[in-house]
Amino acid sequence: MANRIHPTAIIGDGVELGEDNVIGPHAVILGPTRIGDGNWIGPGAVIGTPPENRGTPHVVGWEGEQGEFGVVIGDRNRFREHISIHGGTHRATRVGDDCFFLVYSHIGHDVRVDDNVTLAPSARVAGHNHVWSYANIGMSAAVHQQVDIGPGAMIGMSAAVRKVVKPFTTCVGNPAKAVGINTVGLSRLGCDEATVEAVSDYLMGGTSELPAGVPEVLASLLKEWAGA
């Protein structure tokens, strides 16, 4: 299907679009940026502007200039009003598939966001971070630079994250501290009550072996994390 681009949107040189994307009024997308299929990009969204880095040239992307490293976005993401995603300093800033970025949320330079990630309104992820699949970052939470947010992690509203968050951990406060396991996230990935209890014990260090019967998608994420 054809892309639907509002006439007031600005699409700079070096922007590559797949199919069936919606780009709303006054959205700004600057190159080099590559966007897949079926994304919804809301009014006032800004994607691909230069990184907030003193040593990086601030090119004028709406007049044909391009940065060296841009943004790569997958498929079926929803970017609500006034989100912002900056280009990279030494690699592309990346967003996977099926993510949901709510109003005023922000992804900084060189960040990698995997699949099915949710950013609540005004959540901010600073540069050089890795947000793993199924993570959920709460309203107005802030993630410091060079931090891994593990798969399925739940970051509470207005939390200030300064260090690694382990898989399916729930963190709240400033500085953010772990307060439990995201059992809701485990159940949404297909764990029954007994499996949730067993996986929770594994995540808290009660056992070193991943329990039997864990859904494949969850087992794959936890094994990848363990080997990272």
C-alpha atoms as a PDB file:
ATOM      1  CA  MET A   1       0.000   0.000   0.000  1.00  0.00           C
ATOM      2  CA  ALA A   2       1.073   3.563  -0.649  1.00  0.00           C
ATOM      3  CA  ASN A   3       2.389   5.837   2.082  1.00  0.00           C
ATOM      4  CA  ARG A   4       0.061   8.546   3.368  1.00  0.00           C
ATOM      5  CA  ILE A   5       2.094  11.722   3.974  1.00  0.00           C
ATOM      6  CA  HIS A   6       0.480  14.957   5.085  1.00  0.00           C
ATOM      7  CA  PRO A   7       1.425  17.903   2.834  1.00  0.00           C
ATOM      8  CA  THR A   8       2.862  19.866   5.776  1.00  0.00           C
ATOM      9  CA  ALA A   9       5.303  17.106   6.727  1.00  0.00           C
ATOM     10  CA  ILE A  10       8.984  17.629   5.877  1.00  0.00           C
ATOM     11  CA  ILE A  11      10.776  14.626   4.405  1.00  0.00           C
ATOM     12  CA  GLY A  12      14.474  15.391   3.896  1.00  0.00           C
ATOM     13  CA  ASP A  13      16.935  14.028   1.397  1.00  0.00           C
ATOM     14  CA  GLY A  14      18.230  10.583   2.227  1.00  0.00           C
ATOM     15  CA  VAL A  15      14.975   9.365   3.791  1.00  0.00           C
ATOM     16  CA  GLU A  16      13.930   5.911   2.593  1.00  0.00           C
ATOM     17  CA  LEU A  17      10.343   4.824   3.213  1.00  0.00           C
ATOM     18  CA  GLY A  18       8.817   1.385   2.911  1.00  0.00           C
ATOM     19  CA  GLU A  19       5.103   0.931   2.333  1.00  0.00           C
ATOM     20  CA  ASP A  20       1.871   1.699   4.173  1.00  0.00           C
ATOM     21  CA  ASN A  21       3.360   4.351   6.474  1.00  0.00           C
ATOM     22  CA  VAL A  22       1.331   7.255   7.846  1.00  0.00           C
ATOM     23  CA  ILE A  23       3.193  10.531   8.422  1.00  0.00           C
ATOM     24  CA  GLY A  24       1.154  13.245  10.103  1.00  0.00           C
ATOM     25  CA  PRO A  25       0.973  17.036   9.935  1.00  0.00           C
ATOM     26  CA  HIS A  26       4.206  18.945  10.634  1.00  0.00           C
ATOM     27  CA  ALA A  27       6.250  15.805  11.205  1.00  0.00           C
ATOM     28  CA  VAL A  28       9.932  16.232  10.318  1.00  0.00           C
ATOM     29  CA  ILE A  29      12.035  13.291   9.096  1.00  0.00           C
ATOM     30  CA  LEU A  30      15.615  13.983   8.039  1.00  0.00           C
ATOM     31  CA  GLY A  31      18.192  11.766   6.368  1.00  0.00           C
ATOM     32  CA  PRO A  32      19.906   9.493   6.441  1.00  0.00           C
ATOM     33  CA  THR A  33      16.863   7.643   7.801  1.00  0.00           C
ATOM     34  CA  ARG A  34      15.412   4.321   6.733  1.00  0.00           C
ATOM     35  CA  ILE A  35      11.855   3.444   7.762  1.00  0.00           C
ATOM     36  CA  GLY A  36      10.179   0.087   7.138  1.00  0.00           C
ATOM     37  CA  ASP A  37       6.509  -0.701   6.593  1.00  0.00           C
ATOM     38  CA  GLY A  38       3.274   0.071   8.394  1.00  0.00           C
ATOM     39  CA  ASN A  39       4.519   2.733  10.811  1.00  0.00           C
ATOM     40  CA  TRP A  40       2.279   5.496  12.198  1.00  0.00           C
ATOM     41  CA  ILE A  41       4.168   8.752  12.752  1.00  0.00           C
ATOM     42  CA  GLY A  42       2.076  11.410  14.429  1.00  0.00           C
ATOM     43  CA  PRO A  43       1.802  15.195  14.192  1.00  0.00           C
ATOM     44  CA  GLY A  44       4.931  17.074  15.170  1.00  0.00           C
ATOM     45  CA  ALA A  45       7.159  14.004  15.414  1.00  0.00           C
ATOM     46  CA  VAL A  46      10.849  14.706  14.729  1.00  0.00           C
ATOM     47  CA  ILE A  47      13.121  11.893  13.501  1.00  0.00           C
ATOM     48  CA  GLY A  48      16.721  12.090  12.324  1.00  0.00           C
ATOM     49  CA  THR A  49      17.880  15.463  13.591  1.00  0.00           C
ATOM     50  CA  PRO A  50      21.559  15.707  14.627  1.00  0.00           C
ATOM     51  CA  PRO A  51      22.632  14.121  17.908  1.00  0.00           C
ATOM     52  CA  GLU A  52      22.823  16.361  20.953  1.00  0.00           C
ATOM     53  CA  ASN A  53      26.593  16.230  20.978  1.00  0.00           C
ATOM     54  CA  ARG A  54      28.901  19.243  21.012  1.00  0.00           C
ATOM     55  CA  GLY A  55      31.392  17.613  18.669  1.00  0.00           C
ATOM     56  CA  THR A  56      28.879  16.686  15.966  1.00  0.00           C
ATOM     57  CA  PRO A  57      28.080  19.136  13.130  1.00  0.00           C
ATOM     58  CA  HIS A  58      24.507  20.375  13.224  1.00  0.00           C
ATOM     59  CA  VAL A  59      23.626  19.992   9.563  1.00  0.00           C
ATOM     60  CA  VAL A  60      20.555  21.661   8.083  1.00  0.00           C
ATOM     61  CA  GLY A  61      18.706  18.519   7.084  1.00  0.00           C
ATOM     62  CA  TRP A  62      15.644  20.325   5.739  1.00  0.00           C
ATOM     63  CA  GLU A  63      17.850  22.053   3.147  1.00  0.00           C
ATOM     64  CA  GLY A  64      19.364  18.859   1.768  1.00  0.00           C
ATOM     65  CA  GLU A  65      22.297  18.355   4.148  1.00  0.00           C
ATOM     66  CA  GLN A  66      22.731  14.987   5.850  1.00  0.00           C
ATOM     67  CA  GLY A  67      24.552  13.703   8.895  1.00  0.00           C
ATOM     68  CA  GLU A  68      26.939  10.767   8.730  1.00  0.00           C
ATOM     69  CA  PHE A  69      24.839   8.441  10.875  1.00  0.00           C
ATOM     70  CA  GLY A  70      21.072   8.526  10.954  1.00  0.00           C
ATOM     71  CA  VAL A  71      18.138   6.442  12.113  1.00  0.00           C
ATOM     72  CA  VAL A  72      16.893   2.988  11.144  1.00  0.00           C
ATOM     73  CA  ILE A  73      13.292   2.045  12.027  1.00  0.00           C
ATOM     74  CA  GLY A  74      11.568  -1.289  11.501  1.00  0.00           C
ATOM     75  CA  ASP A  75       7.913  -2.121  10.947  1.00  0.00           C
ATOM     76  CA  ARG A  76       4.527  -1.479  12.590  1.00  0.00           C
ATOM     77  CA  ASN A  77       5.711   1.058  15.153  1.00  0.00           C
ATOM     78  CA  ARG A  78       3.508   3.817  16.521  1.00  0.00           C
ATOM     79  CA  PHE A  79       5.111   7.185  17.183  1.00  0.00           C
ATOM     80  CA  ARG A  80       2.670   9.565  18.815  1.00  0.00           C
ATOM     81  CA  GLU A  81       2.646  13.366  18.799  1.00  0.00           C
ATOM     82  CA  HIS A  82       5.933  15.230  19.275  1.00  0.00           C
ATOM     83  CA  ILE A  83       8.210  12.245  19.860  1.00  0.00           C
ATOM     84  CA  SER A  84      11.878  12.789  18.959  1.00  0.00           C
ATOM     85  CA  ILE A  85      14.587  10.415  17.768  1.00  0.00           C
ATOM     86  CA  HIS A  86      18.122  11.690  17.133  1.00  0.00           C
ATOM     87  CA  GLY A  87      20.631  10.358  14.639  1.00  0.00           C
ATOM     88  CA  GLY A  88      23.813   8.663  15.821  1.00  0.00           C
ATOM     89  CA  THR A  89      27.387   9.811  16.393  1.00  0.00           C
ATOM     90  CA  HIS A  90      29.166   6.595  15.344  1.00  0.00           C
ATOM     91  CA  ARG A  91      26.314   4.276  14.362  1.00  0.00           C
ATOM     92  CA  ALA A  92      22.674   4.556  13.397  1.00  0.00           C
ATOM     93  CA  THR A  93      20.088   4.976  16.131  1.00  0.00           C
ATOM     94  CA  ARG A  94      17.819   1.941  15.776  1.00  0.00           C
ATOM     95  CA  VAL A  95      14.214   1.079  16.579  1.00  0.00           C
ATOM     96  CA  GLY A  96      12.907  -2.451  15.984  1.00  0.00           C
ATOM     97  CA  ASP A  97       9.359  -3.590  15.271  1.00  0.00           C
ATOM     98  CA  ASP A  98       5.998  -3.155  17.018  1.00  0.00           C
ATOM     99  CA  CYS A  99       7.104  -0.451  19.445  1.00  0.00           C
ATOM    100  CA  PHE A 100       4.795   2.188  20.913  1.00  0.00           C
ATOM    101  CA  PHE A 101       6.258   5.619  21.707  1.00  0.00           C
ATOM    102  CA  LEU A 102       3.731   7.880  23.421  1.00  0.00           C
ATOM    103  CA  VAL A 103       3.572  11.687  23.303  1.00  0.00           C
ATOM    104  CA  TYR A 104       6.793  13.644  23.930  1.00  0.00           C
ATOM    105  CA  SER A 105       8.917  10.536  24.464  1.00  0.00           C
ATOM    106  CA  HIS A 106      12.541  10.745  23.346  1.00  0.00           C
ATOM    107  CA  ILE A 107      15.256   8.431  22.022  1.00  0.00           C
ATOM    108  CA  GLY A 108      18.781   9.859  22.061  1.00  0.00           C
ATOM    109  CA  HIS A 109      21.707   9.261  19.750  1.00  0.00           C
ATOM    110  CA  ASP A 110      23.218   5.805  19.180  1.00  0.00           C
ATOM    111  CA  VAL A 111      20.423   4.070  21.097  1.00  0.00           C
ATOM    112  CA  ARG A 112      19.261   0.591  20.152  1.00  0.00           C
ATOM    113  CA  VAL A 113      15.607  -0.157  20.867  1.00  0.00           C
ATOM    114  CA  ASP A 114      14.504  -3.733  20.215  1.00  0.00           C
ATOM    115  CA  ASP A 115      10.981  -5.031  19.501  1.00  0.00           C
ATOM    116  CA  ASN A 116       7.703  -4.437  21.375  1.00  0.00           C
ATOM    117  CA  VAL A 117       9.119  -1.678  23.573  1.00  0.00           C
ATOM    118  CA  THR A 118       6.773   0.904  25.125  1.00  0.00           C
ATOM    119  CA  LEU A 119       7.738   4.438  26.120  1.00  0.00           C
ATOM    120  CA  ALA A 120       5.065   6.253  28.109  1.00  0.00           C
ATOM    121  CA  PRO A 121       4.493  10.022  27.716  1.00  0.00           C
ATOM    122  CA  SER A 122       7.665  12.092  28.249  1.00  0.00           C
ATOM    123  CA  ALA A 123       9.869   9.054  28.897  1.00  0.00           C
ATOM    124  CA  ARG A 124      13.459   9.862  27.908  1.00  0.00           C
ATOM    125  CA  VAL A 125      16.239   7.504  26.910  1.00  0.00           C
ATOM    126  CA  ALA A 126      19.657   9.165  26.715  1.00  0.00           C
ATOM    127  CA  GLY A 127      22.400   8.278  24.260  1.00  0.00           C
ATOM    128  CA  HIS A 128      24.274   4.983  23.845  1.00  0.00           C
ATOM    129  CA  ASN A 129      21.649   2.850  25.587  1.00  0.00           C
ATOM    130  CA  HIS A 130      20.167  -0.526  24.677  1.00  0.00           C
ATOM    131  CA  VAL A 131      16.492  -1.081  25.463  1.00  0.00           C
ATOM    132  CA  TRP A 132      15.705  -4.775  25.063  1.00  0.00           C
ATOM    133  CA  SER A 133      12.458  -6.243  23.771  1.00  0.00           C
ATOM    134  CA  TYR A 134       9.220  -5.906  25.763  1.00  0.00           C
ATOM    135  CA  ALA A 135      10.660  -3.286  28.123  1.00  0.00           C
ATOM    136  CA  ASN A 136       8.195  -0.662  29.365  1.00  0.00           C
ATOM    137  CA  ILE A 137       9.495   2.758  30.442  1.00  0.00           C
ATOM    138  CA  GLY A 138       7.007   4.739  32.503  1.00  0.00           C
ATOM    139  CA  MET A 139       5.742   8.285  32.248  1.00  0.00           C
ATOM    140  CA  SER A 140       8.491  10.921  32.664  1.00  0.00           C
ATOM    141  CA  ALA A 141      11.113   8.312  33.527  1.00  0.00           C
ATOM    142  CA  ALA A 142      14.704   9.124  32.554  1.00  0.00           C
ATOM    143  CA  VAL A 143      17.400   6.654  31.559  1.00  0.00           C
ATOM    144  CA  HIS A 144      21.038   7.766  31.911  1.00  0.00           C
ATOM    145  CA  GLN A 145      23.598   7.212  29.146  1.00  0.00           C
ATOM    146  CA  GLN A 146      25.208   3.820  28.507  1.00  0.00           C
ATOM    147  CA  VAL A 147      22.644   1.708  30.357  1.00  0.00           C
ATOM    148  CA  ASP A 148      21.066  -1.607  29.363  1.00  0.00           C
ATOM    149  CA  ILE A 149      17.359  -1.991  30.077  1.00  0.00           C
ATOM    150  CA  GLY A 150      16.776  -5.741  30.104  1.00  0.00           C
ATOM    151  CA  PRO A 151      13.991  -7.545  28.270  1.00  0.00           C
ATOM    152  CA  GLY A 152      10.599  -7.166  29.896  1.00  0.00           C
ATOM    153  CA  ALA A 153      11.826  -4.642  32.450  1.00  0.00           C
ATOM    154  CA  MET A 154       9.244  -2.263  33.897  1.00  0.00           C
ATOM    155  CA  ILE A 155      10.462   1.237  34.782  1.00  0.00           C
ATOM    156  CA  GLY A 156       8.107   3.166  37.047  1.00  0.00           C
ATOM    157  CA  MET A 157       6.776   6.668  36.548  1.00  0.00           C
ATOM    158  CA  SER A 158       9.409   9.419  37.009  1.00  0.00           C
ATOM    159  CA  ALA A 159      12.141   6.910  37.846  1.00  0.00           C
ATOM    160  CA  ALA A 160      15.774   7.918  37.264  1.00  0.00           C
ATOM    161  CA  VAL A 161      17.700   4.930  35.915  1.00  0.00           C
ATOM    162  CA  ARG A 162      21.479   5.108  36.347  1.00  0.00           C
ATOM    163  CA  LYS A 163      22.576   1.493  36.023  1.00  0.00           C
ATOM    164  CA  VAL A 164      21.696  -1.775  34.291  1.00  0.00           C
ATOM    165  CA  VAL A 165      18.159  -3.045  34.809  1.00  0.00           C
ATOM    166  CA  LYS A 166      17.927  -6.843  34.747  1.00  0.00           C
ATOM    167  CA  PRO A 167      15.316  -8.751  32.722  1.00  0.00           C
ATOM    168  CA  PHE A 168      11.696  -8.486  33.889  1.00  0.00           C
ATOM    169  CA  THR A 169      12.720  -6.393  36.867  1.00  0.00           C
ATOM    170  CA  THR A 170      10.404  -3.662  38.149  1.00  0.00           C
ATOM    171  CA  CYS A 171      12.278  -0.490  39.150  1.00  0.00           C
ATOM    172  CA  VAL A 172      11.001   2.677  40.793  1.00  0.00           C
ATOM    173  CA  GLY A 173      12.379   5.819  42.413  1.00  0.00           C
ATOM    174  CA  ASN A 174      15.296   8.231  42.110  1.00  0.00           C
ATOM    175  CA  PRO A 175      17.762   6.640  41.883  1.00  0.00           C
ATOM    176  CA  ALA A 176      15.755   3.725  40.509  1.00  0.00           C
ATOM    177  CA  LYS A 177      15.834   0.561  42.613  1.00  0.00           C
ATOM    178  CA  ALA A 178      14.548  -2.914  41.886  1.00  0.00           C
ATOM    179  CA  VAL A 179      11.386  -3.707  43.846  1.00  0.00           C
ATOM    180  CA  GLY A 180      10.238  -6.955  42.278  1.00  0.00           C
ATOM    181  CA  ILE A 181       9.591  -8.972  39.141  1.00  0.00           C
ATOM    182  CA  ASN A 182       7.340  -7.919  36.270  1.00  0.00           C
ATOM    183  CA  THR A 183       5.011 -10.904  36.582  1.00  0.00           C
ATOM    184  CA  VAL A 184       2.437  -9.277  34.314  1.00  0.00           C
ATOM    185  CA  GLY A 185       5.036  -9.110  31.555  1.00  0.00           C
ATOM    186  CA  LEU A 186       5.862 -12.787  32.039  1.00  0.00           C
ATOM    187  CA  SER A 187       2.219 -13.785  31.828  1.00  0.00           C
ATOM    188  CA  ARG A 188       1.753 -11.752  28.640  1.00  0.00           C
ATOM    189  CA  LEU A 189       4.509 -13.798  27.040  1.00  0.00           C
ATOM    190  CA  GLY A 190       2.596 -16.995  27.722  1.00  0.00           C
ATOM    191  CA  CYS A 191       3.711 -18.091  31.190  1.00  0.00           C
ATOM    192  CA  ASP A 192       1.105 -19.754  33.354  1.00  0.00           C
ATOM    193  CA  GLU A 193       1.042 -19.172  37.114  1.00  0.00           C
ATOM    194  CA  ALA A 194       3.474 -21.970  37.930  1.00  0.00           C
ATOM    195  CA  THR A 195       5.910 -20.891  35.218  1.00  0.00           C
ATOM    196  CA  VAL A 196       5.744 -17.272  36.383  1.00  0.00           C
ATOM    197  CA  GLU A 197       6.714 -18.417  39.880  1.00  0.00           C
ATOM    198  CA  ALA A 198       9.561 -20.589  38.563  1.00  0.00           C
ATOM    199  CA  VAL A 199      10.934 -17.894  36.249  1.00  0.00           C
ATOM    200  CA  SER A 200      10.685 -15.305  39.022  1.00  0.00           C
ATOM    201  CA  ASP A 201      12.802 -17.546  41.246  1.00  0.00           C
ATOM    202  CA  TYR A 202      15.353 -17.886  38.420  1.00  0.00           C
ATOM    203  CA  LEU A 203      15.463 -14.116  37.838  1.00  0.00           C
ATOM    204  CA  MET A 204      16.012 -13.438  41.537  1.00  0.00           C
ATOM    205  CA  GLY A 205      18.912 -15.871  41.650  1.00  0.00           C
ATOM    206  CA  GLY A 206      17.161 -18.685  43.467  1.00  0.00           C
ATOM    207  CA  THR A 207      18.220 -21.122  40.768  1.00  0.00           C
ATOM    208  CA  SER A 208      20.892 -21.013  38.072  1.00  0.00           C
ATOM    209  CA  GLU A 209      18.957 -23.062  35.518  1.00  0.00           C
ATOM    210  CA  LEU A 210      16.187 -21.679  33.347  1.00  0.00           C
ATOM    211  CA  PRO A 211      13.024 -23.632  34.247  1.00  0.00           C
ATOM    212  CA  ALA A 212      11.547 -26.155  31.849  1.00  0.00           C
ATOM    213  CA  GLY A 213       8.429 -25.215  29.891  1.00  0.00           C
ATOM    214  CA  VAL A 214       9.332 -21.563  29.423  1.00  0.00           C
ATOM    215  CA  PRO A 215       7.790 -20.098  26.221  1.00  0.00           C
ATOM    216  CA  GLU A 216      10.287 -20.035  23.373  1.00  0.00           C
ATOM    217  CA  VAL A 217      10.305 -16.257  22.935  1.00  0.00           C
ATOM    218  CA  LEU A 218      11.042 -15.747  26.638  1.00  0.00           C
ATOM    219  CA  ALA A 219      13.691 -18.458  26.774  1.00  0.00           C
ATOM    220  CA  SER A 220      15.438 -16.924  23.752  1.00  0.00           C
ATOM    221  CA  LEU A 221      15.514 -13.451  25.332  1.00  0.00           C
ATOM    222  CA  LEU A 222      16.868 -14.691  28.652  1.00  0.00           C
ATOM    223  CA  LYS A 223      19.550 -16.815  26.993  1.00  0.00           C
ATOM    224  CA  GLU A 224      20.601 -13.894  24.821  1.00  0.00           C
ATOM    225  CA  TRP A 225      20.809 -11.649  27.867  1.00  0.00           C
ATOM    226  CA  ALA A 226      22.881 -14.230  29.764  1.00  0.00           C
ATOM    227  CA  GLY A 227      25.334 -14.403  26.862  1.00  0.00           C
ATOM    228  CA  ALA A 228      25.561 -10.673  26.260  1.00  0.00           C
END
